[in-house]
Amino acid sequence: MTTTTSSASAEATEEVPQGWTLGPGGLRRELEFKNFAQALAFVVLAGRRAEAADHHPDVDIRWNKVTLALMTHSKGRVTAADYAMARELNGIALEDAVALAPVILAPEGIPLES
């Protein structure tokens, strides 16, 4: 018989944030952008928030798609910190990534067209 701690059971019943799915590998979300520059800009913005929280998602970027995955590896499961980070990452305005995209890949500060 498996016993679940009260904090683990509370985390198991926590609501999955909008846009995310919960599976064996943890919380996952895939976002699609117009191009690579926008996808990369989103990753930069997500990275800033992850660093500030000291809780880092696994990030996979493939041209215009970004996949984020969250699981607390030291615990071997999804924890409250993962749900909190998912909500924090949902707070990134996609418009901010679109606005940052022309600058992020520009050589020597020359903006690219979006």
Protein backbone atom coordinates (compact mmCIF):
# COMPACT_ATOMS: atom_id res chain seq x y z
CA MET A 1 0.00 0.00 0.00
CA THR A 2 1.29 3.48 -0.91
CA THR A 3 0.85 6.28 1.59
CA THR A 4 0.66 9.82 0.30
CA THR A 5 1.77 12.70 2.50
CA SER A 6 -0.70 15.50 3.00
CA SER A 7 1.45 17.98 1.05
CA ALA A 8 1.90 15.52 -1.82
CA SER A 9 -1.83 14.80 -1.95
CA ALA A 10 -2.59 18.53 -1.89
CA GLU A 11 -0.19 19.02 -4.80
CA ALA A 12 -1.80 16.13 -6.68
CA THR A 13 -5.19 17.81 -6.47
CA GLU A 14 -3.92 21.30 -7.34
CA GLU A 15 -5.56 22.70 -10.45
CA VAL A 16 -3.46 22.35 -13.61
CA PRO A 17 -2.85 25.88 -14.96
CA GLN A 18 -4.54 26.86 -18.21
CA GLY A 19 -2.67 25.64 -21.28
CA TRP A 20 -0.69 23.00 -19.37
CA THR A 21 -1.16 19.24 -19.23
CA LEU A 22 -0.17 16.90 -16.43
CA GLY A 23 1.37 13.56 -17.36
CA PRO A 24 4.01 11.09 -16.21
CA GLY A 25 6.78 13.54 -17.15
CA GLY A 26 5.26 16.41 -15.18
CA LEU A 27 3.53 19.58 -16.33
CA ARG A 28 3.93 20.39 -20.05
CA ARG A 29 2.96 23.24 -22.32
CA GLU A 30 3.63 23.83 -26.00
CA LEU A 31 3.45 27.30 -27.52
CA GLU A 32 3.60 28.20 -31.19
CA PHE A 33 4.93 31.48 -32.56
CA LYS A 34 5.19 33.14 -35.95
CA ASN A 35 8.94 32.48 -36.23
CA PHE A 36 12.11 31.45 -34.42
CA ALA A 37 12.89 34.98 -33.19
CA GLN A 38 9.54 35.21 -31.38
CA ALA A 39 10.00 31.74 -29.88
CA LEU A 40 13.49 32.63 -28.68
CA ALA A 41 12.28 35.94 -27.24
CA PHE A 42 9.65 34.05 -25.24
CA VAL A 43 12.35 31.70 -23.90
CA VAL A 44 14.45 34.70 -22.81
CA LEU A 45 11.47 36.18 -20.94
CA ALA A 46 10.67 32.78 -19.40
CA GLY A 47 14.30 32.39 -18.38
CA ARG A 48 14.24 35.69 -16.51
CA ARG A 49 11.24 34.59 -14.47
CA ALA A 50 12.69 31.13 -13.85
CA GLU A 51 15.97 32.64 -12.60
CA ALA A 52 14.10 35.04 -10.32
CA ALA A 53 12.17 32.12 -8.81
CA ASP A 54 15.20 29.77 -8.82
CA HIS A 55 12.95 27.12 -10.38
CA HIS A 56 13.80 26.18 -13.94
CA PRO A 57 11.67 24.47 -16.59
CA ASP A 58 13.06 22.10 -19.16
CA VAL A 59 12.86 24.02 -22.44
CA ASP A 60 12.79 22.62 -25.97
CA ILE A 61 12.76 25.06 -28.87
CA ARG A 62 12.15 23.89 -32.43
CA TRP A 63 11.88 26.70 -34.97
CA ASN A 64 8.59 28.37 -34.00
CA LYS A 65 7.56 26.01 -31.17
CA VAL A 66 8.57 26.08 -27.53
CA THR A 67 7.81 23.18 -25.20
CA LEU A 68 8.11 23.76 -21.47
CA ALA A 69 8.19 20.95 -18.90
CA LEU A 70 8.12 21.28 -15.13
CA MET A 71 8.86 18.67 -12.47
CA THR A 72 10.85 18.99 -9.28
CA HIS A 73 13.60 16.51 -10.08
CA SER A 74 14.89 16.36 -6.50
CA LYS A 75 11.44 15.12 -5.40
CA GLY A 76 10.77 12.98 -8.47
CA ARG A 77 7.32 14.50 -8.91
CA VAL A 78 5.38 17.66 -9.60
CA THR A 79 5.28 19.93 -6.56
CA ALA A 80 3.59 23.18 -5.60
CA ALA A 81 6.67 25.00 -6.92
CA ASP A 82 6.00 23.58 -10.39
CA TYR A 83 2.38 24.72 -10.36
CA ALA A 84 3.51 28.17 -9.20
CA MET A 85 6.13 28.37 -11.97
CA ALA A 86 3.57 27.28 -14.58
CA ARG A 87 1.26 30.10 -13.47
CA GLU A 88 4.21 32.53 -13.52
CA LEU A 89 5.15 31.49 -17.06
CA ASN A 90 1.51 31.91 -18.11
CA GLY A 91 1.88 35.52 -16.98
CA ILE A 92 4.30 36.30 -19.80
CA ALA A 93 2.42 38.33 -22.35
CA LEU A 94 2.94 36.79 -25.76
CA GLU A 95 2.86 40.35 -27.09
CA ASP A 96 6.03 41.04 -25.10
CA ALA A 97 7.81 38.18 -26.89
CA VAL A 98 6.60 39.50 -30.25
CA ALA A 99 7.86 43.00 -29.37
CA LEU A 100 11.27 41.69 -28.23
CA ALA A 101 11.76 39.40 -31.23
CA PRO A 102 13.09 42.01 -33.69
CA VAL A 103 15.85 42.94 -31.27
CA ILE A 104 16.87 39.54 -29.93
CA LEU A 105 18.59 38.18 -33.03
CA ALA A 106 19.63 41.49 -34.56
CA PRO A 107 23.32 41.78 -35.44
CA GLU A 108 25.00 44.68 -33.65
CA GLY A 109 21.72 46.11 -32.40
CA ILE A 110 20.10 46.46 -35.82
CA PRO A 111 16.46 45.38 -35.38
CA LEU A 112 15.14 42.57 -37.56
CA GLU A 113 11.72 42.73 -39.13
CA SER A 114 9.06 40.73 -37.25
